[in-house]
Amino acid sequence: MFAPMALLSGKNVVVFGVANKRSIAWGIAQALQREGARVALTYQNDRMGEAVKKLAPELGGDVVLAPCDVTVDGDIERCFDAIGKEFDGIDGLVHSIAFAKREELGGNFVDTSWDGYALAQQVSAWSLIGLCKAAAPRMEGRQAGVVCLSYYGAERVVQNYNVMGVAKAALQNAQPAASAVSR
């Protein structure tokens, strides 16, 4: 009987955004592993790391874990340095991170604070640029790709999505960062 080869056999993929079993990023990580990819999971801080470390064994095999808080200067580079010690290169990057302060998601959009706006942009949109910049040297010559997740609220007004709609629209327009990596 013919046994099909896994679609991503021998590929290394870094997944940003696993928070728990309900995370879209977790479903992506499971699909990547099922298709033969070696997966690296990142986590924002110690609290989030506990949840990710509990999930990682479910993927089986050799999962790489690395902390990365995209709001901390130098963390992105430290994350990719750590992953680089385990991977000979990177074939894929999944950007599934977003954040806004709860108080910025309700009420009138015009009442959004500068700090809340800036934080939502930094985590939800700018991080794609920073991740692609750090990943690019490790993806060079590998026919690598970048996937980022958005939401309908980037294109249409969605009640109580407020600052996240603007951040997701910025993420969608940060596509040149991903294109520069996957040339």
C-alpha atoms as a PDB file:
ATOM      1  CA  MET A   1       0.000   0.000   0.000  1.00  0.00           C
ATOM      2  CA  PHE A   2       1.257   3.479  -0.867  1.00  0.00           C
ATOM      3  CA  ALA A   3       1.940   5.716   2.174  1.00  0.00           C
ATOM      4  CA  PRO A   4       1.654   9.408   1.241  1.00  0.00           C
ATOM      5  CA  MET A   5       4.501  11.706   2.264  1.00  0.00           C
ATOM      6  CA  ALA A   6       3.584  14.470   4.669  1.00  0.00           C
ATOM      7  CA  LEU A   7       3.214  17.782   2.837  1.00  0.00           C
ATOM      8  CA  LEU A   8       5.586  19.667   5.165  1.00  0.00           C
ATOM      9  CA  SER A   9       8.076  16.929   5.944  1.00  0.00           C
ATOM     10  CA  GLY A  10      11.472  18.421   6.765  1.00  0.00           C
ATOM     11  CA  LYS A  11      10.135  21.965   7.115  1.00  0.00           C
ATOM     12  CA  ASN A  12      10.660  24.228  10.156  1.00  0.00           C
ATOM     13  CA  VAL A  13       7.815  26.577  11.073  1.00  0.00           C
ATOM     14  CA  VAL A  14       7.603  29.150  13.879  1.00  0.00           C
ATOM     15  CA  VAL A  15       4.142  29.845  15.293  1.00  0.00           C
ATOM     16  CA  PHE A  16       3.401  33.043  17.211  1.00  0.00           C
ATOM     17  CA  GLY A  17       0.135  33.315  19.099  1.00  0.00           C
ATOM     18  CA  VAL A  18      -0.695  30.055  20.850  1.00  0.00           C
ATOM     19  CA  ALA A  19      -2.434  31.040  24.075  1.00  0.00           C
ATOM     20  CA  ASN A  20      -4.556  27.962  24.814  1.00  0.00           C
ATOM     21  CA  LYS A  21      -6.356  25.007  23.166  1.00  0.00           C
ATOM     22  CA  ARG A  22      -8.913  27.368  21.628  1.00  0.00           C
ATOM     23  CA  SER A  23      -6.301  29.511  19.860  1.00  0.00           C
ATOM     24  CA  ILE A  24      -6.416  29.475  16.091  1.00  0.00           C
ATOM     25  CA  ALA A  25      -2.620  29.335  16.297  1.00  0.00           C
ATOM     26  CA  TRP A  26      -2.900  26.053  18.227  1.00  0.00           C
ATOM     27  CA  GLY A  27      -5.014  24.547  15.456  1.00  0.00           C
ATOM     28  CA  ILE A  28      -2.436  25.720  12.929  1.00  0.00           C
ATOM     29  CA  ALA A  29       0.417  24.223  14.970  1.00  0.00           C
ATOM     30  CA  GLN A  30      -1.434  20.891  15.113  1.00  0.00           C
ATOM     31  CA  ALA A  31      -2.003  20.920  11.345  1.00  0.00           C
ATOM     32  CA  LEU A  32       1.653  21.774  10.707  1.00  0.00           C
ATOM     33  CA  GLN A  33       2.803  18.917  12.910  1.00  0.00           C
ATOM     34  CA  ARG A  34       0.301  16.517  11.330  1.00  0.00           C
ATOM     35  CA  GLU A  35       1.805  17.387   7.924  1.00  0.00           C
ATOM     36  CA  GLY A  36       5.335  16.655   9.120  1.00  0.00           C
ATOM     37  CA  ALA A  37       6.691  20.108  10.008  1.00  0.00           C
ATOM     38  CA  ARG A  38       8.958  20.672  12.964  1.00  0.00           C
ATOM     39  CA  VAL A  39       7.256  23.387  15.000  1.00  0.00           C
ATOM     40  CA  ALA A  40       8.535  26.151  17.251  1.00  0.00           C
ATOM     41  CA  LEU A  41       5.995  27.757  19.576  1.00  0.00           C
ATOM     42  CA  THR A  42       6.569  31.143  21.139  1.00  0.00           C
ATOM     43  CA  TYR A  43       4.982  32.642  24.209  1.00  0.00           C
ATOM     44  CA  GLN A  44       4.770  36.187  25.541  1.00  0.00           C
ATOM     45  CA  ASN A  45       5.665  35.733  29.206  1.00  0.00           C
ATOM     46  CA  ASP A  46       5.982  33.177  32.008  1.00  0.00           C
ATOM     47  CA  ARG A  47       2.224  32.989  32.562  1.00  0.00           C
ATOM     48  CA  MET A  48       1.519  32.345  28.891  1.00  0.00           C
ATOM     49  CA  GLY A  49       4.531  30.050  28.758  1.00  0.00           C
ATOM     50  CA  GLU A  50       2.976  27.709  31.314  1.00  0.00           C
ATOM     51  CA  ALA A  51      -0.032  27.110  29.051  1.00  0.00           C
ATOM     52  CA  VAL A  52       2.096  26.655  25.926  1.00  0.00           C
ATOM     53  CA  LYS A  53       4.480  24.270  27.714  1.00  0.00           C
ATOM     54  CA  LYS A  54       1.492  22.131  28.758  1.00  0.00           C
ATOM     55  CA  LEU A  55       0.201  21.979  25.178  1.00  0.00           C
ATOM     56  CA  ALA A  56       3.535  21.334  23.438  1.00  0.00           C
ATOM     57  CA  PRO A  57       3.775  17.607  24.315  1.00  0.00           C
ATOM     58  CA  GLU A  58       0.464  17.045  22.487  1.00  0.00           C
ATOM     59  CA  LEU A  59       2.330  17.822  19.266  1.00  0.00           C
ATOM     60  CA  GLY A  60       4.723  14.996  19.969  1.00  0.00           C
ATOM     61  CA  GLY A  61       8.176  15.040  18.543  1.00  0.00           C
ATOM     62  CA  ASP A  62      10.694  17.776  19.003  1.00  0.00           C
ATOM     63  CA  VAL A  63       8.840  21.044  19.646  1.00  0.00           C
ATOM     64  CA  VAL A  64      10.988  24.132  20.191  1.00  0.00           C
ATOM     65  CA  LEU A  65       9.741  26.642  22.781  1.00  0.00           C
ATOM     66  CA  ALA A  66      10.925  30.244  22.926  1.00  0.00           C
ATOM     67  CA  PRO A  67       9.776  33.350  24.799  1.00  0.00           C
ATOM     68  CA  CYS A  68       8.988  36.446  22.730  1.00  0.00           C
ATOM     69  CA  ASP A  69       7.250  39.596  23.897  1.00  0.00           C
ATOM     70  CA  VAL A  70       7.030  41.789  20.799  1.00  0.00           C
ATOM     71  CA  THR A  71       6.691  44.896  23.012  1.00  0.00           C
ATOM     72  CA  VAL A  72      10.105  44.374  24.628  1.00  0.00           C
ATOM     73  CA  ASP A  73      13.115  45.755  22.752  1.00  0.00           C
ATOM     74  CA  GLY A  74      15.403  42.960  21.618  1.00  0.00           C
ATOM     75  CA  ASP A  75      12.993  40.122  22.443  1.00  0.00           C
ATOM     76  CA  ILE A  76      12.255  39.322  18.799  1.00  0.00           C
ATOM     77  CA  GLU A  77      15.956  38.979  18.015  1.00  0.00           C
ATOM     78  CA  ARG A  78      16.562  36.896  21.160  1.00  0.00           C
ATOM     79  CA  CYS A  79      13.671  34.640  20.184  1.00  0.00           C
ATOM     80  CA  PHE A  80      15.032  33.986  16.706  1.00  0.00           C
ATOM     81  CA  ASP A  81      18.552  33.472  18.084  1.00  0.00           C
ATOM     82  CA  ALA A  82      17.172  30.762  20.403  1.00  0.00           C
ATOM     83  CA  ILE A  83      15.192  29.144  17.582  1.00  0.00           C
ATOM     84  CA  GLY A  84      18.272  29.338  15.348  1.00  0.00           C
ATOM     85  CA  LYS A  85      20.125  27.080  17.784  1.00  0.00           C
ATOM     86  CA  GLU A  86      17.494  24.384  17.141  1.00  0.00           C
ATOM     87  CA  PHE A  87      16.546  24.956  13.475  1.00  0.00           C
ATOM     88  CA  ASP A  88      18.973  25.018  10.551  1.00  0.00           C
ATOM     89  CA  GLY A  89      16.650  27.563   8.936  1.00  0.00           C
ATOM     90  CA  ILE A  90      13.023  28.627   8.886  1.00  0.00           C
ATOM     91  CA  ASP A  91      10.571  27.613   6.185  1.00  0.00           C
ATOM     92  CA  GLY A  92       7.473  29.272   7.610  1.00  0.00           C
ATOM     93  CA  LEU A  93       6.311  31.883  10.059  1.00  0.00           C
ATOM     94  CA  VAL A  94       2.764  32.135  11.410  1.00  0.00           C
ATOM     95  CA  HIS A  95       1.727  35.504  12.870  1.00  0.00           C
ATOM     96  CA  SER A  96      -1.378  34.980  14.976  1.00  0.00           C
ATOM     97  CA  ILE A  97      -0.884  37.610  17.659  1.00  0.00           C
ATOM     98  CA  ALA A  98      -3.080  40.558  18.510  1.00  0.00           C
ATOM     99  CA  PHE A  99      -3.894  42.573  21.585  1.00  0.00           C
ATOM    100  CA  ALA A 100      -5.844  45.613  22.710  1.00  0.00           C
ATOM    101  CA  LYS A 101      -6.685  46.832  26.170  1.00  0.00           C
ATOM    102  CA  ARG A 102     -10.220  45.843  27.123  1.00  0.00           C
ATOM    103  CA  GLU A 103     -11.212  49.470  27.706  1.00  0.00           C
ATOM    104  CA  GLU A 104     -10.279  50.312  24.095  1.00  0.00           C
ATOM    105  CA  LEU A 105     -12.770  47.800  22.690  1.00  0.00           C
ATOM    106  CA  GLY A 106     -15.993  49.389  23.901  1.00  0.00           C
ATOM    107  CA  GLY A 107     -17.625  52.792  23.820  1.00  0.00           C
ATOM    108  CA  ASN A 108     -16.855  55.420  21.219  1.00  0.00           C
ATOM    109  CA  PHE A 109     -13.835  54.861  19.014  1.00  0.00           C
ATOM    110  CA  VAL A 110     -12.935  58.551  19.291  1.00  0.00           C
ATOM    111  CA  ASP A 111     -12.323  57.999  23.004  1.00  0.00           C
ATOM    112  CA  THR A 112      -9.430  55.634  22.254  1.00  0.00           C
ATOM    113  CA  SER A 113      -6.335  56.606  24.233  1.00  0.00           C
ATOM    114  CA  TRP A 114      -3.014  57.134  22.498  1.00  0.00           C
ATOM    115  CA  ASP A 115      -1.396  54.475  24.679  1.00  0.00           C
ATOM    116  CA  GLY A 116      -4.158  51.987  23.858  1.00  0.00           C
ATOM    117  CA  TYR A 117      -3.953  52.755  20.150  1.00  0.00           C
ATOM    118  CA  ALA A 118      -0.155  52.485  20.088  1.00  0.00           C
ATOM    119  CA  LEU A 119      -0.165  49.190  22.001  1.00  0.00           C
ATOM    120  CA  ALA A 120      -2.766  47.631  19.690  1.00  0.00           C
ATOM    121  CA  GLN A 121      -0.736  48.710  16.637  1.00  0.00           C
ATOM    122  CA  GLN A 122       2.563  47.512  18.075  1.00  0.00           C
ATOM    123  CA  VAL A 123       1.339  44.052  19.050  1.00  0.00           C
ATOM    124  CA  SER A 124      -1.184  43.433  16.289  1.00  0.00           C
ATOM    125  CA  ALA A 125       0.457  45.029  13.240  1.00  0.00           C
ATOM    126  CA  TRP A 126       4.019  46.282  13.696  1.00  0.00           C
ATOM    127  CA  SER A 127       5.038  42.924  15.136  1.00  0.00           C
ATOM    128  CA  LEU A 128       4.636  41.353  11.688  1.00  0.00           C
ATOM    129  CA  ILE A 129       7.297  43.723  10.359  1.00  0.00           C
ATOM    130  CA  GLY A 130       9.653  43.005  13.257  1.00  0.00           C
ATOM    131  CA  LEU A 131       9.154  39.244  13.007  1.00  0.00           C
ATOM    132  CA  CYS A 132       9.710  39.222   9.241  1.00  0.00           C
ATOM    133  CA  LYS A 133      12.861  41.317   9.573  1.00  0.00           C
ATOM    134  CA  ALA A 134      14.318  38.937  12.170  1.00  0.00           C
ATOM    135  CA  ALA A 135      13.220  35.801  10.307  1.00  0.00           C
ATOM    136  CA  ALA A 136      14.403  36.876   6.849  1.00  0.00           C
ATOM    137  CA  PRO A 137      18.072  35.816   7.162  1.00  0.00           C
ATOM    138  CA  ARG A 138      16.967  32.396   8.417  1.00  0.00           C
ATOM    139  CA  MET A 139      14.468  31.994   5.559  1.00  0.00           C
ATOM    140  CA  GLU A 140      16.802  33.026   2.769  1.00  0.00           C
ATOM    141  CA  GLY A 141      16.941  30.545  -0.108  1.00  0.00           C
ATOM    142  CA  ARG A 142      14.309  28.245   1.403  1.00  0.00           C
ATOM    143  CA  GLN A 143      11.129  29.097  -0.556  1.00  0.00           C
ATOM    144  CA  ALA A 144       9.772  30.193   2.814  1.00  0.00           C
ATOM    145  CA  GLY A 145       6.404  31.749   3.515  1.00  0.00           C
ATOM    146  CA  VAL A 146       4.613  33.925   6.035  1.00  0.00           C
ATOM    147  CA  VAL A 147       0.997  33.631   7.143  1.00  0.00           C
ATOM    148  CA  CYS A 148      -0.758  36.257   9.224  1.00  0.00           C
ATOM    149  CA  LEU A 149      -4.314  36.162  10.509  1.00  0.00           C
ATOM    150  CA  SER A 150      -6.733  39.036  10.214  1.00  0.00           C
ATOM    151  CA  TYR A 151     -10.455  39.546  10.750  1.00  0.00           C
ATOM    152  CA  TYR A 152     -13.475  40.974   8.946  1.00  0.00           C
ATOM    153  CA  GLY A 153     -13.293  43.975  11.308  1.00  0.00           C
ATOM    154  CA  ALA A 154     -10.296  45.205   9.301  1.00  0.00           C
ATOM    155  CA  GLU A 155     -12.599  45.911   6.355  1.00  0.00           C
ATOM    156  CA  ARG A 156     -15.924  46.796   7.954  1.00  0.00           C
ATOM    157  CA  VAL A 157     -16.937  48.466  11.176  1.00  0.00           C
ATOM    158  CA  VAL A 158     -17.733  45.822  13.776  1.00  0.00           C
ATOM    159  CA  GLN A 159     -19.359  46.950  16.994  1.00  0.00           C
ATOM    160  CA  ASN A 160     -16.945  46.924  19.964  1.00  0.00           C
ATOM    161  CA  TYR A 161     -13.968  45.956  17.811  1.00  0.00           C
ATOM    162  CA  ASN A 162     -12.837  49.600  17.692  1.00  0.00           C
ATOM    163  CA  VAL A 163      -9.055  49.921  17.850  1.00  0.00           C
ATOM    164  CA  MET A 164      -8.564  46.302  16.759  1.00  0.00           C
ATOM    165  CA  GLY A 165     -10.241  47.023  13.427  1.00  0.00           C
ATOM    166  CA  VAL A 166      -7.690  49.726  12.722  1.00  0.00           C
ATOM    167  CA  ALA A 167      -4.842  47.474  13.895  1.00  0.00           C
ATOM    168  CA  LYS A 168      -6.003  44.591  11.680  1.00  0.00           C
ATOM    169  CA  ALA A 169      -6.312  46.949   8.708  1.00  0.00           C
ATOM    170  CA  ALA A 170      -2.711  48.010   9.346  1.00  0.00           C
ATOM    171  CA  LEU A 171      -1.695  44.341   9.576  1.00  0.00           C
ATOM    172  CA  GLN A 172      -3.279  43.613   6.213  1.00  0.00           C
ATOM    173  CA  ASN A 173      -1.383  46.533   4.706  1.00  0.00           C
ATOM    174  CA  ALA A 174       1.906  45.379   6.221  1.00  0.00           C
ATOM    175  CA  GLN A 175       1.888  42.628   3.591  1.00  0.00           C
ATOM    176  CA  PRO A 176       5.081  43.956   1.946  1.00  0.00           C
ATOM    177  CA  ALA A 177       6.968  42.753   5.040  1.00  0.00           C
ATOM    178  CA  ALA A 178       5.850  39.194   4.391  1.00  0.00           C
ATOM    179  CA  SER A 179       6.480  39.550   0.656  1.00  0.00           C
ATOM    180  CA  ALA A 180      10.053  40.721   1.270  1.00  0.00           C
ATOM    181  CA  VAL A 181      10.753  37.566   3.282  1.00  0.00           C
ATOM    182  CA  SER A 182       9.277  35.075   0.841  1.00  0.00           C
ATOM    183  CA  ARG A 183      11.001  36.325  -2.340  1.00  0.00           C
END
